[in-house]
Amino acid sequence: MKKIIATLAFVLFTTSAFSYSCPMLWGEVDELLKTAEANGKTATQIQEIKTLRDKGKKAHDEGSHEMSEIFLKKALNILKS
């Protein structure tokens, strides 16, 4: 019985810890933004990236992690293109 409870607890806690990567994504956006202008991004692109980053952070804070990842991945696509 103890093994079942321990296994169940482990699965529940590790699943929630690794389920969303929003903070990692916005960290990557922040790092790439530092060199965006030097890498040829226009002011308009940089503003769009910042807007998407802010929307992603807000969605994360509101608990909408799927939406957060969508916004942050769009920002990363712009930065990496």
Protein backbone atom coordinates (compact mmCIF):
# COMPACT_ATOMS: atom_id res chain seq x y z
CA MET A 1 0.00 0.00 0.00
CA LYS A 2 2.84 2.40 0.83
CA LYS A 3 4.42 1.73 -2.55
CA ILE A 4 1.20 2.57 -4.36
CA ILE A 5 0.78 5.83 -2.46
CA ALA A 6 4.42 6.79 -2.99
CA THR A 7 4.21 6.02 -6.71
CA LEU A 8 0.97 7.93 -7.08
CA ALA A 9 2.39 10.95 -5.27
CA PHE A 10 5.54 10.87 -7.39
CA VAL A 11 3.56 10.74 -10.63
CA LEU A 12 1.22 13.55 -9.62
CA PHE A 13 3.93 15.92 -8.45
CA THR A 14 6.40 15.34 -11.27
CA THR A 15 3.71 15.62 -13.94
CA SER A 16 2.65 19.06 -12.76
CA ALA A 17 6.25 20.22 -12.46
CA PHE A 18 7.11 19.36 -16.06
CA SER A 19 3.81 19.95 -17.78
CA TYR A 20 4.42 23.48 -19.06
CA SER A 21 7.52 25.26 -20.24
CA CYS A 22 6.28 28.86 -20.23
CA PRO A 23 9.04 30.25 -17.97
CA MET A 24 11.74 28.60 -20.06
CA LEU A 25 10.22 29.96 -23.25
CA TRP A 26 9.96 33.55 -22.05
CA GLY A 27 13.51 33.28 -20.69
CA GLU A 28 14.67 32.28 -24.16
CA VAL A 29 12.70 35.16 -25.69
CA ASP A 30 14.31 37.58 -23.23
CA GLU A 31 17.80 36.30 -24.06
CA LEU A 32 17.29 36.54 -27.82
CA LEU A 33 15.73 40.00 -27.49
CA LYS A 34 19.02 41.31 -26.13
CA THR A 35 20.66 40.78 -29.52
CA ALA A 36 17.61 41.11 -31.78
CA GLU A 37 18.56 44.49 -33.22
CA ALA A 38 22.13 43.36 -33.88
CA ASN A 39 20.73 40.28 -35.61
CA GLY A 40 18.78 42.38 -38.10
CA LYS A 41 15.34 42.60 -36.50
CA THR A 42 13.45 45.81 -37.22
CA ALA A 43 11.89 48.03 -34.57
CA THR A 44 8.46 46.81 -35.66
CA GLN A 45 9.50 43.17 -35.27
CA ILE A 46 11.02 43.84 -31.87
CA GLN A 47 7.84 45.57 -30.71
CA GLU A 48 5.75 42.62 -31.94
CA ILE A 49 8.04 40.19 -30.11
CA LYS A 50 7.73 42.19 -26.90
CA THR A 51 3.94 42.28 -27.24
CA LEU A 52 3.80 38.51 -27.78
CA ARG A 53 6.15 37.98 -24.82
CA ASP A 54 3.94 40.11 -22.58
CA LYS A 55 0.79 38.31 -23.75
CA GLY A 56 2.49 34.99 -23.07
CA LYS A 57 3.51 36.02 -19.56
CA LYS A 58 0.00 37.32 -18.83
CA ALA A 59 -1.62 34.12 -20.12
CA HIS A 60 0.74 32.08 -17.92
CA ASP A 61 -0.08 34.19 -14.87
CA GLU A 62 -3.79 33.68 -15.57
CA GLY A 63 -3.31 29.90 -15.79
CA SER A 64 -3.73 29.58 -19.55
CA HIS A 65 -0.48 27.76 -20.22
CA GLU A 66 -1.41 26.50 -23.67
CA MET A 67 -2.13 30.05 -24.84
CA SER A 68 1.06 31.25 -23.18
CA GLU A 69 3.13 28.73 -25.10
CA ILE A 70 1.45 29.73 -28.37
CA PHE A 71 2.32 33.41 -27.89
CA LEU A 72 5.87 32.68 -26.74
CA LYS A 73 6.56 30.26 -29.59
CA LYS A 74 5.34 32.87 -32.10
CA ALA A 75 7.78 35.35 -30.58
CA LEU A 76 10.59 32.80 -30.82
CA ASN A 77 9.75 32.06 -34.45
CA ILE A 78 10.15 35.74 -35.28
CA LEU A 79 13.40 35.95 -33.37
CA LYS A 80 14.85 32.85 -35.01
CA SER A 81 13.75 33.64 -38.58
